[in-house]
Amino acid sequence: MKLEQKLQFESDRLKTRYDAITNNSGYQAGDKVGLYNPARKKGRSPKLQKTWEGPNTVIKRINDLVYRIQQGPRTKMKVVHLDRLAPYRRPHEELVDRDDHP
């Protein structure tokens, strides 16, 4: 194989892997999502800061990649890219049923 063919083959392979893990279906209005927001606070260790905010509700799907979300009914709406969103998962404490465990 020539160098150009090898590069094209590897590029196609990487694109296939990337496409397999991306969220192609997107979100619908009313879905709960988490927002990736790596804003740093001065004086605190970046390692210990929260980078995800949520739950947020999808208000509107503007196009395939851009969404309007809102954290609560009285909060300001945000317009964000699909890459900054993930399905919202409740924290571990809420998943454990208190009656079943001592």
PDB file of N, CA and C in Angstrom:
ATOM      1  N   MET A   1       0.832  -1.188   0.000  1.00  0.00           N
ATOM      2  CA  MET A   1       0.000   0.000   0.000  1.00  0.00           C
ATOM      3  C   MET A   1       0.873   1.246   0.000  1.00  0.00           C
ATOM      4  N   LYS A   2       0.402   2.217  -0.693  1.00  0.00           N
ATOM      5  CA  LYS A   2       1.113   3.485  -0.695  1.00  0.00           C
ATOM      6  C   LYS A   2       0.718   4.294   0.533  1.00  0.00           C
ATOM      7  N   LEU A   3       1.513   5.281   0.836  1.00  0.00           N
ATOM      8  CA  LEU A   3       1.282   6.112   2.012  1.00  0.00           C
ATOM      9  C   LEU A   3      -0.094   6.779   1.965  1.00  0.00           C
ATOM     10  N   GLU A   4      -0.497   7.291   0.803  1.00  0.00           N
ATOM     11  CA  GLU A   4      -1.789   7.958   0.681  1.00  0.00           C
ATOM     12  C   GLU A   4      -2.939   6.983   0.957  1.00  0.00           C
ATOM     13  N   GLN A   5      -2.786   5.749   0.502  1.00  0.00           N
ATOM     14  CA  GLN A   5      -3.826   4.746   0.727  1.00  0.00           C
ATOM     15  C   GLN A   5      -3.911   4.374   2.205  1.00  0.00           C
ATOM     16  N   LYS A   6      -2.769   4.260   2.861  1.00  0.00           N
ATOM     17  CA  LYS A   6      -2.761   3.946   4.289  1.00  0.00           C
ATOM     18  C   LYS A   6      -3.419   5.060   5.102  1.00  0.00           C
ATOM     19  N   LEU A   7      -3.097   6.303   4.756  1.00  0.00           N
ATOM     20  CA  LEU A   7      -3.688   7.433   5.458  1.00  0.00           C
ATOM     21  C   LEU A   7      -5.204   7.477   5.268  1.00  0.00           C
ATOM     22  N   GLN A   8      -5.667   7.216   4.045  1.00  0.00           N
ATOM     23  CA  GLN A   8      -7.106   7.212   3.769  1.00  0.00           C
ATOM     24  C   GLN A   8      -7.793   6.077   4.530  1.00  0.00           C
ATOM     25  N   PHE A   9      -7.155   4.909   4.566  1.00  0.00           N
ATOM     26  CA  PHE A   9      -7.717   3.757   5.279  1.00  0.00           C
ATOM     27  C   PHE A   9      -7.848   4.063   6.772  1.00  0.00           C
ATOM     28  N   GLU A  10      -6.805   4.617   7.373  1.00  0.00           N
ATOM     29  CA  GLU A  10      -6.844   4.949   8.798  1.00  0.00           C
ATOM     30  C   GLU A  10      -7.856   6.045   9.093  1.00  0.00           C
ATOM     31  N   SER A  11      -7.951   7.018   8.213  1.00  0.00           N
ATOM     32  CA  SER A  11      -8.924   8.090   8.392  1.00  0.00           C
ATOM     33  C   SER A  11     -10.344   7.534   8.372  1.00  0.00           C
ATOM     34  N   ASP A  12     -10.638   6.634   7.432  1.00  0.00           N
ATOM     35  CA  ASP A  12     -11.963   6.018   7.350  1.00  0.00           C
ATOM     36  C   ASP A  12     -12.255   5.174   8.586  1.00  0.00           C
ATOM     37  N   ARG A  13     -11.249   4.461   9.088  1.00  0.00           N
ATOM     38  CA  ARG A  13     -11.435   3.613  10.263  1.00  0.00           C
ATOM     39  C   ARG A  13     -11.741   4.457  11.495  1.00  0.00           C
ATOM     40  N   LEU A  14     -11.014   5.555  11.667  1.00  0.00           N
ATOM     41  CA  LEU A  14     -11.247   6.430  12.817  1.00  0.00           C
ATOM     42  C   LEU A  14     -12.615   7.106  12.744  1.00  0.00           C
ATOM     43  N   LYS A  15     -13.031   7.498  11.544  1.00  0.00           N
ATOM     44  CA  LYS A  15     -14.347   8.112  11.378  1.00  0.00           C
ATOM     45  C   LYS A  15     -15.450   7.121  11.723  1.00  0.00           C
ATOM     46  N   THR A  16     -15.284   5.880  11.326  1.00  0.00           N
ATOM     47  CA  THR A  16     -16.273   4.855  11.635  1.00  0.00           C
ATOM     48  C   THR A  16     -16.396   4.656  13.142  1.00  0.00           C
ATOM     49  N   ARG A  17     -15.268   4.608  13.845  1.00  0.00           N
ATOM     50  CA  ARG A  17     -15.290   4.465  15.308  1.00  0.00           C
ATOM     51  C   ARG A  17     -15.945   5.673  15.972  1.00  0.00           C
ATOM     52  N   TYR A  18     -15.615   6.872  15.506  1.00  0.00           N
ATOM     53  CA  TYR A  18     -16.195   8.087  16.081  1.00  0.00           C
ATOM     54  C   TYR A  18     -17.706   8.108  15.872  1.00  0.00           C
ATOM     55  N   ASP A  19     -18.156   7.787  14.668  1.00  0.00           N
ATOM     56  CA  ASP A  19     -19.580   7.801  14.369  1.00  0.00           C
ATOM     57  C   ASP A  19     -20.343   6.784  15.200  1.00  0.00           C
ATOM     58  N   ALA A  20     -19.703   5.677  15.553  1.00  0.00           N
ATOM     59  CA  ALA A  20     -20.372   4.633  16.329  1.00  0.00           C
ATOM     60  C   ALA A  20     -20.653   5.086  17.759  1.00  0.00           C
ATOM     61  N   ILE A  21     -19.805   5.957  18.323  1.00  0.00           N
ATOM     62  CA  ILE A  21     -19.989   6.361  19.716  1.00  0.00           C
ATOM     63  C   ILE A  21     -20.718   7.688  19.881  1.00  0.00           C
ATOM     64  N   THR A  22     -20.937   8.416  18.815  1.00  0.00           N
ATOM     65  CA  THR A  22     -21.621   9.701  18.936  1.00  0.00           C
ATOM     66  C   THR A  22     -23.119   9.500  19.044  1.00  0.00           C
ATOM     67  N   ASN A  23     -23.780  10.481  19.586  1.00  0.00           N
ATOM     68  CA  ASN A  23     -25.233  10.440  19.755  1.00  0.00           C
ATOM     69  C   ASN A  23     -25.880  10.997  18.494  1.00  0.00           C
ATOM     70  N   ASN A  24     -26.182  10.139  17.546  1.00  0.00           N
ATOM     71  CA  ASN A  24     -26.757  10.586  16.280  1.00  0.00           C
ATOM     72  C   ASN A  24     -28.234  10.925  16.399  1.00  0.00           C
ATOM     73  N   SER A  25     -28.932  10.318  17.355  1.00  0.00           N
ATOM     74  CA  SER A  25     -30.365  10.555  17.466  1.00  0.00           C
ATOM     75  C   SER A  25     -30.679  11.896  18.123  1.00  0.00           C
ATOM     76  N   GLY A  26     -29.773  12.390  18.960  1.00  0.00           N
ATOM     77  CA  GLY A  26     -29.990  13.667  19.616  1.00  0.00           C
ATOM     78  C   GLY A  26     -30.991  13.554  20.750  1.00  0.00           C
ATOM     79  N   TYR A  27     -31.598  14.676  21.117  1.00  0.00           N
ATOM     80  CA  TYR A  27     -32.549  14.736  22.216  1.00  0.00           C
ATOM     81  C   TYR A  27     -33.825  15.385  21.722  1.00  0.00           C
ATOM     82  N   GLN A  28     -34.915  15.104  22.423  1.00  0.00           N
ATOM     83  CA  GLN A  28     -36.210  15.691  22.096  1.00  0.00           C
ATOM     84  C   GLN A  28     -36.593  16.670  23.207  1.00  0.00           C
ATOM     85  N   ALA A  29     -37.552  17.527  22.927  1.00  0.00           N
ATOM     86  CA  ALA A  29     -38.034  18.481  23.933  1.00  0.00           C
ATOM     87  C   ALA A  29     -38.551  17.715  25.141  1.00  0.00           C
ATOM     88  N   GLY A  30     -38.143  18.148  26.332  1.00  0.00           N
ATOM     89  CA  GLY A  30     -38.559  17.498  27.561  1.00  0.00           C
ATOM     90  C   GLY A  30     -37.556  16.511  28.126  1.00  0.00           C
ATOM     91  N   ASP A  31     -36.537  16.131  27.364  1.00  0.00           N
ATOM     92  CA  ASP A  31     -35.518  15.201  27.850  1.00  0.00           C
ATOM     93  C   ASP A  31     -34.655  15.869  28.910  1.00  0.00           C
ATOM     94  N   LYS A  32     -34.241  15.086  29.900  1.00  0.00           N
ATOM     95  CA  LYS A  32     -33.332  15.581  30.938  1.00  0.00           C
ATOM     96  C   LYS A  32     -31.898  15.311  30.486  1.00  0.00           C
ATOM     97  N   VAL A  33     -31.072  16.346  30.553  1.00  0.00           N
ATOM     98  CA  VAL A  33     -29.677  16.232  30.111  1.00  0.00           C
ATOM     99  C   VAL A  33     -28.750  16.881  31.131  1.00  0.00           C
ATOM    100  N   GLY A  34     -27.503  16.461  31.103  1.00  0.00           N
ATOM    101  CA  GLY A  34     -26.454  17.099  31.878  1.00  0.00           C
ATOM    102  C   GLY A  34     -25.655  18.002  30.955  1.00  0.00           C
ATOM    103  N   LEU A  35     -25.184  19.119  31.471  1.00  0.00           N
ATOM    104  CA  LEU A  35     -24.420  20.086  30.680  1.00  0.00           C
ATOM    105  C   LEU A  35     -22.971  20.097  31.138  1.00  0.00           C
ATOM    106  N   TYR A  36     -22.049  19.890  30.212  1.00  0.00           N
ATOM    107  CA  TYR A  36     -20.623  19.957  30.508  1.00  0.00           C
ATOM    108  C   TYR A  36     -20.207  21.415  30.500  1.00  0.00           C
ATOM    109  N   ASN A  37     -19.755  21.901  31.666  1.00  0.00           N
ATOM    110  CA  ASN A  37     -19.355  23.298  31.805  1.00  0.00           C
ATOM    111  C   ASN A  37     -18.086  23.340  32.664  1.00  0.00           C
ATOM    112  N   PRO A  38     -16.914  23.258  32.033  1.00  0.00           N
ATOM    113  CA  PRO A  38     -15.669  23.179  32.805  1.00  0.00           C
ATOM    114  C   PRO A  38     -15.142  24.524  33.288  1.00  0.00           C
ATOM    115  N   ALA A  39     -16.025  25.427  33.682  1.00  0.00           N
ATOM    116  CA  ALA A  39     -15.590  26.738  34.178  1.00  0.00           C
ATOM    117  C   ALA A  39     -14.824  26.552  35.484  1.00  0.00           C
ATOM    118  N   ARG A  40     -13.703  27.212  35.615  1.00  0.00           N
ATOM    119  CA  ARG A  40     -12.863  27.084  36.804  1.00  0.00           C
ATOM    120  C   ARG A  40     -13.137  28.226  37.766  1.00  0.00           C
ATOM    121  N   LYS A  41     -13.097  27.892  39.053  1.00  0.00           N
ATOM    122  CA  LYS A  41     -13.218  28.903  40.101  1.00  0.00           C
ATOM    123  C   LYS A  41     -11.840  29.132  40.682  1.00  0.00           C
ATOM    124  N   LYS A  42     -11.495  30.403  40.808  1.00  0.00           N
ATOM    125  CA  LYS A  42     -10.178  30.762  41.305  1.00  0.00           C
ATOM    126  C   LYS A  42     -10.017  30.337  42.764  1.00  0.00           C
ATOM    127  N   GLY A  43      -8.863  29.795  43.088  1.00  0.00           N
ATOM    128  CA  GLY A  43      -8.578  29.409  44.450  1.00  0.00           C
ATOM    129  C   GLY A  43      -8.972  27.988  44.795  1.00  0.00           C
ATOM    130  N   ARG A  44      -9.562  27.266  43.856  1.00  0.00           N
ATOM    131  CA  ARG A  44      -9.950  25.879  44.100  1.00  0.00           C
ATOM    132  C   ARG A  44      -9.233  24.968  43.122  1.00  0.00           C
ATOM    133  N   SER A  45      -8.980  23.757  43.558  1.00  0.00           N
ATOM    134  CA  SER A  45      -8.315  22.794  42.701  1.00  0.00           C
ATOM    135  C   SER A  45      -9.239  22.402  41.542  1.00  0.00           C
ATOM    136  N   PRO A  46      -8.762  22.488  40.306  1.00  0.00           N
ATOM    137  CA  PRO A  46      -9.594  22.093  39.162  1.00  0.00           C
ATOM    138  C   PRO A  46     -10.027  20.635  39.234  1.00  0.00           C
ATOM    139  N   LYS A  47      -9.219  19.817  39.833  1.00  0.00           N
ATOM    140  CA  LYS A  47      -9.519  18.397  39.929  1.00  0.00           C
ATOM    141  C   LYS A  47     -10.776  18.133  40.769  1.00  0.00           C
ATOM    142  N   LEU A  48     -11.027  18.997  41.738  1.00  0.00           N
ATOM    143  CA  LEU A  48     -12.141  18.788  42.649  1.00  0.00           C
ATOM    144  C   LEU A  48     -13.392  19.580  42.289  1.00  0.00           C
ATOM    145  N   GLN A  49     -13.351  20.337  41.206  1.00  0.00           N
ATOM    146  CA  GLN A  49     -14.503  21.129  40.801  1.00  0.00           C
ATOM    147  C   GLN A  49     -15.450  20.302  39.944  1.00  0.00           C
ATOM    148  N   LYS A  50     -16.729  20.618  40.052  1.00  0.00           N
ATOM    149  CA  LYS A  50     -17.730  19.936  39.238  1.00  0.00           C
ATOM    150  C   LYS A  50     -17.670  20.475  37.813  1.00  0.00           C
ATOM    151  N   THR A  51     -17.695  19.569  36.862  1.00  0.00           N
ATOM    152  CA  THR A  51     -17.685  19.984  35.462  1.00  0.00           C
ATOM    153  C   THR A  51     -19.028  19.755  34.787  1.00  0.00           C
ATOM    154  N   TRP A  52     -19.937  19.055  35.450  1.00  0.00           N
ATOM    155  CA  TRP A  52     -21.260  18.783  34.887  1.00  0.00           C
ATOM    156  C   TRP A  52     -22.331  19.475  35.715  1.00  0.00           C
ATOM    157  N   GLU A  53     -23.283  20.078  35.022  1.00  0.00           N
ATOM    158  CA  GLU A  53     -24.414  20.738  35.662  1.00  0.00           C
ATOM    159  C   GLU A  53     -25.691  20.015  35.235  1.00  0.00           C
ATOM    160  N   GLY A  54     -26.609  19.894  36.165  1.00  0.00           N
ATOM    161  CA  GLY A  54     -27.850  19.262  35.755  1.00  0.00           C
ATOM    162  C   GLY A  54     -28.721  18.959  36.941  1.00  0.00           C
ATOM    163  N   PRO A  55     -29.912  18.530  36.725  1.00  0.00           N
ATOM    164  CA  PRO A  55     -30.496  18.213  35.429  1.00  0.00           C
ATOM    165  C   PRO A  55     -30.993  19.469  34.712  1.00  0.00           C
ATOM    166  N   ASN A  56     -30.845  19.463  33.420  1.00  0.00           N
ATOM    167  CA  ASN A  56     -31.385  20.505  32.564  1.00  0.00           C
ATOM    168  C   ASN A  56     -32.452  19.866  31.685  1.00  0.00           C
ATOM    169  N   THR A  57     -33.409  20.657  31.261  1.00  0.00           N
ATOM    170  CA  THR A  57     -34.468  20.164  30.387  1.00  0.00           C
ATOM    171  C   THR A  57     -34.279  20.749  28.998  1.00  0.00           C
ATOM    172  N   VAL A  58     -34.381  19.902  27.987  1.00  0.00           N
ATOM    173  CA  VAL A  58     -34.310  20.381  26.607  1.00  0.00           C
ATOM    174  C   VAL A  58     -35.622  21.094  26.310  1.00  0.00           C
ATOM    175  N   ILE A  59     -35.525  22.361  25.949  1.00  0.00           N
ATOM    176  CA  ILE A  59     -36.705  23.162  25.627  1.00  0.00           C
ATOM    177  C   ILE A  59     -37.032  23.044  24.140  1.00  0.00           C
ATOM    178  N   LYS A  60     -35.989  23.154  23.317  1.00  0.00           N
ATOM    179  CA  LYS A  60     -36.218  23.137  21.875  1.00  0.00           C
ATOM    180  C   LYS A  60     -34.977  22.618  21.157  1.00  0.00           C
ATOM    181  N   ARG A  61     -35.194  21.880  20.113  1.00  0.00           N
ATOM    182  CA  ARG A  61     -34.110  21.427  19.243  1.00  0.00           C
ATOM    183  C   ARG A  61     -34.030  22.420  18.086  1.00  0.00           C
ATOM    184  N   ILE A  62     -33.017  23.271  18.099  1.00  0.00           N
ATOM    185  CA  ILE A  62     -32.908  24.318  17.088  1.00  0.00           C
ATOM    186  C   ILE A  62     -32.515  23.715  15.740  1.00  0.00           C
ATOM    187  N   ASN A  63     -31.518  22.834  15.753  1.00  0.00           N
ATOM    188  CA  ASN A  63     -31.177  22.033  14.580  1.00  0.00           C
ATOM    189  C   ASN A  63     -30.553  20.736  15.076  1.00  0.00           C
ATOM    190  N   ASP A  64     -29.901  19.975  14.230  1.00  0.00           N
ATOM    191  CA  ASP A  64     -29.361  18.676  14.625  1.00  0.00           C
ATOM    192  C   ASP A  64     -28.298  18.780  15.705  1.00  0.00           C
ATOM    193  N   LEU A  65     -27.594  19.895  15.784  1.00  0.00           N
ATOM    194  CA  LEU A  65     -26.468  20.023  16.699  1.00  0.00           C
ATOM    195  C   LEU A  65     -26.644  21.044  17.810  1.00  0.00           C
ATOM    196  N   VAL A  66     -27.624  21.914  17.715  1.00  0.00           N
ATOM    197  CA  VAL A  66     -27.779  23.005  18.677  1.00  0.00           C
ATOM    198  C   VAL A  66     -29.130  22.881  19.386  1.00  0.00           C
ATOM    199  N   TYR A  67     -29.080  23.028  20.731  1.00  0.00           N
ATOM    200  CA  TYR A  67     -30.276  22.866  21.555  1.00  0.00           C
ATOM    201  C   TYR A  67     -30.436  24.045  22.499  1.00  0.00           C
ATOM    202  N   ARG A  68     -31.690  24.331  22.859  1.00  0.00           N
ATOM    203  CA  ARG A  68     -31.988  25.330  23.884  1.00  0.00           C
ATOM    204  C   ARG A  68     -32.392  24.551  25.126  1.00  0.00           C
ATOM    205  N   ILE A  69     -31.673  24.790  26.235  1.00  0.00           N
ATOM    206  CA  ILE A  69     -31.943  24.076  27.475  1.00  0.00           C
ATOM    207  C   ILE A  69     -32.202  25.063  28.603  1.00  0.00           C
ATOM    208  N   GLN A  70     -32.791  24.563  29.685  1.00  0.00           N
ATOM    209  CA  GLN A  70     -33.082  25.393  30.848  1.00  0.00           C
ATOM    210  C   GLN A  70     -32.980  24.518  32.087  1.00  0.00           C
ATOM    211  N   GLN A  71     -32.328  25.022  33.137  1.00  0.00           N
ATOM    212  CA  GLN A  71     -32.135  24.236  34.341  1.00  0.00           C
ATOM    213  C   GLN A  71     -33.383  24.206  35.217  1.00  0.00           C
ATOM    214  N   GLY A  72     -34.082  25.292  35.303  1.00  0.00           N
ATOM    215  CA  GLY A  72     -35.300  25.360  36.110  1.00  0.00           C
ATOM    216  C   GLY A  72     -36.284  26.304  35.461  1.00  0.00           C
ATOM    217  N   PRO A  73     -37.515  26.367  35.970  1.00  0.00           N
ATOM    218  CA  PRO A  73     -38.519  27.214  35.330  1.00  0.00           C
ATOM    219  C   PRO A  73     -38.216  28.710  35.406  1.00  0.00           C
ATOM    220  N   ARG A  74     -37.409  29.129  36.396  1.00  0.00           N
ATOM    221  CA  ARG A  74     -37.108  30.560  36.531  1.00  0.00           C
ATOM    222  C   ARG A  74     -35.687  30.920  36.118  1.00  0.00           C
ATOM    223  N   THR A  75     -34.940  29.959  35.583  1.00  0.00           N
ATOM    224  CA  THR A  75     -33.562  30.229  35.179  1.00  0.00           C
ATOM    225  C   THR A  75     -33.495  30.632  33.716  1.00  0.00           C
ATOM    226  N   LYS A  76     -32.394  31.243  33.366  1.00  0.00           N
ATOM    227  CA  LYS A  76     -32.181  31.703  32.007  1.00  0.00           C
ATOM    228  C   LYS A  76     -31.925  30.516  31.075  1.00  0.00           C
ATOM    229  N   MET A  77     -32.466  30.572  29.869  1.00  0.00           N
ATOM    230  CA  MET A  77     -32.245  29.517  28.888  1.00  0.00           C
ATOM    231  C   MET A  77     -30.848  29.647  28.306  1.00  0.00           C
ATOM    232  N   LYS A  78     -30.250  28.498  27.934  1.00  0.00           N
ATOM    233  CA  LYS A  78     -28.933  28.481  27.310  1.00  0.00           C
ATOM    234  C   LYS A  78     -29.034  27.783  25.970  1.00  0.00           C
ATOM    235  N   VAL A  79     -28.251  28.250  25.019  1.00  0.00           N
ATOM    236  CA  VAL A  79     -28.150  27.598  23.715  1.00  0.00           C
ATOM    237  C   VAL A  79     -26.796  26.909  23.682  1.00  0.00           C
ATOM    238  N   VAL A  80     -26.811  25.572  23.540  1.00  0.00           N
ATOM    239  CA  VAL A  80     -25.578  24.803  23.623  1.00  0.00           C
ATOM    240  C   VAL A  80     -25.482  23.796  22.480  1.00  0.00           C
ATOM    241  N   HIS A  81     -24.255  23.374  22.220  1.00  0.00           N
ATOM    242  CA  HIS A  81     -23.968  22.389  21.186  1.00  0.00           C
ATOM    243  C   HIS A  81     -24.186  20.985  21.741  1.00  0.00           C
ATOM    244  N   LEU A  82     -24.536  20.066  20.889  1.00  0.00           N
ATOM    245  CA  LEU A  82     -24.784  18.675  21.264  1.00  0.00           C
ATOM    246  C   LEU A  82     -23.597  18.042  21.978  1.00  0.00           C
ATOM    247  N   ASP A  83     -22.380  18.422  21.619  1.00  0.00           N
ATOM    248  CA  ASP A  83     -21.183  17.839  22.222  1.00  0.00           C
ATOM    249  C   ASP A  83     -21.062  18.144  23.716  1.00  0.00           C
ATOM    250  N   ARG A  84     -21.742  19.164  24.200  1.00  0.00           N
ATOM    251  CA  ARG A  84     -21.675  19.524  25.621  1.00  0.00           C
ATOM    252  C   ARG A  84     -22.795  18.896  26.440  1.00  0.00           C
ATOM    253  N   LEU A  85     -23.630  18.056  25.812  1.00  0.00           N
ATOM    254  CA  LEU A  85     -24.760  17.440  26.493  1.00  0.00           C
ATOM    255  C   LEU A  85     -24.568  15.942  26.637  1.00  0.00           C
ATOM    256  N   ALA A  86     -25.151  15.395  27.714  1.00  0.00           N
ATOM    257  CA  ALA A  86     -25.161  13.955  27.935  1.00  0.00           C
ATOM    258  C   ALA A  86     -26.467  13.611  28.635  1.00  0.00           C
ATOM    259  N   PRO A  87     -26.970  12.397  28.455  1.00  0.00           N
ATOM    260  CA  PRO A  87     -28.194  12.020  29.176  1.00  0.00           C
ATOM    261  C   PRO A  87     -27.981  12.165  30.683  1.00  0.00           C
ATOM    262  N   TYR A  88     -28.946  12.728  31.377  1.00  0.00           N
ATOM    263  CA  TYR A  88     -28.799  12.971  32.811  1.00  0.00           C
ATOM    264  C   TYR A  88     -28.982  11.673  33.573  1.00  0.00           C
ATOM    265  N   ARG A  89     -28.045  11.418  34.483  1.00  0.00           N
ATOM    266  CA  ARG A  89     -28.137  10.272  35.385  1.00  0.00           C
ATOM    267  C   ARG A  89     -28.168  10.801  36.801  1.00  0.00           C
ATOM    268  N   ARG A  90     -29.076  10.261  37.597  1.00  0.00           N
ATOM    269  CA  ARG A  90     -29.187  10.712  38.980  1.00  0.00           C
ATOM    270  C   ARG A  90     -27.953  10.284  39.772  1.00  0.00           C
ATOM    271  N   PRO A  91     -27.598  11.045  40.805  1.00  0.00           N
ATOM    272  CA  PRO A  91     -26.476  10.635  41.657  1.00  0.00           C
ATOM    273  C   PRO A  91     -26.759   9.297  42.331  1.00  0.00           C
ATOM    274  N   HIS A  92     -25.713   8.625  42.755  1.00  0.00           N
ATOM    275  CA  HIS A  92     -25.816   7.287  43.333  1.00  0.00           C
ATOM    276  C   HIS A  92     -26.741   7.239  44.545  1.00  0.00           C
ATOM    277  N   GLU A  93     -26.733   8.265  45.368  1.00  0.00           N
ATOM    278  CA  GLU A  93     -27.549   8.258  46.578  1.00  0.00           C
ATOM    279  C   GLU A  93     -29.038   8.151  46.244  1.00  0.00           C
ATOM    280  N   GLU A  94     -29.466   8.746  45.181  1.00  0.00           N
ATOM    281  CA  GLU A  94     -30.879   8.700  44.818  1.00  0.00           C
ATOM    282  C   GLU A  94     -31.260   7.359  44.210  1.00  0.00           C
ATOM    283  N   LEU A  95     -30.299   6.616  43.683  1.00  0.00           N
ATOM    284  CA  LEU A  95     -30.591   5.331  43.051  1.00  0.00           C
ATOM    285  C   LEU A  95     -30.792   4.218  44.061  1.00  0.00           C
ATOM    286  N   VAL A  96     -30.205   4.355  45.240  1.00  0.00           N
ATOM    287  CA  VAL A  96     -30.335   3.331  46.258  1.00  0.00           C
ATOM    288  C   VAL A  96     -31.667   3.501  46.969  1.00  0.00           C
ATOM    289  N   ASP A  97     -32.462   2.414  47.040  1.00  0.00           N
ATOM    290  CA  ASP A  97     -33.744   2.455  47.725  1.00  0.00           C
ATOM    291  C   ASP A  97     -33.478   2.334  49.221  1.00  0.00           C
ATOM    292  N   ARG A  98     -33.864   3.308  49.991  1.00  0.00           N
ATOM    293  CA  ARG A  98     -33.543   3.367  51.416  1.00  0.00           C
ATOM    294  C   ARG A  98     -34.205   2.241  52.203  1.00  0.00           C
ATOM    295  N   ASP A  99     -35.361   1.714  51.762  1.00  0.00           N
ATOM    296  CA  ASP A  99     -36.064   0.672  52.492  1.00  0.00           C
ATOM    297  C   ASP A  99     -35.363  -0.685  52.377  1.00  0.00           C
ATOM    298  N   ASP A 100     -34.688  -0.954  51.273  1.00  0.00           N
ATOM    299  CA  ASP A 100     -34.051  -2.245  51.049  1.00  0.00           C
ATOM    300  C   ASP A 100     -32.699  -2.382  51.737  1.00  0.00           C
ATOM    301  N   HIS A 101     -32.051  -1.257  52.011  1.00  0.00           N
ATOM    302  CA  HIS A 101     -30.707  -1.287  52.578  1.00  0.00           C
ATOM    303  C   HIS A 101     -30.704  -0.697  53.978  1.00  0.00           C
ATOM    304  N   PRO A 102     -29.974  -1.337  54.906  1.00  0.00           N
ATOM    305  CA  PRO A 102     -29.916  -0.797  56.277  1.00  0.00           C
ATOM    306  C   PRO A 102     -29.155   0.480  56.381  1.00  0.00           C
TER     307      PRO A 102
END
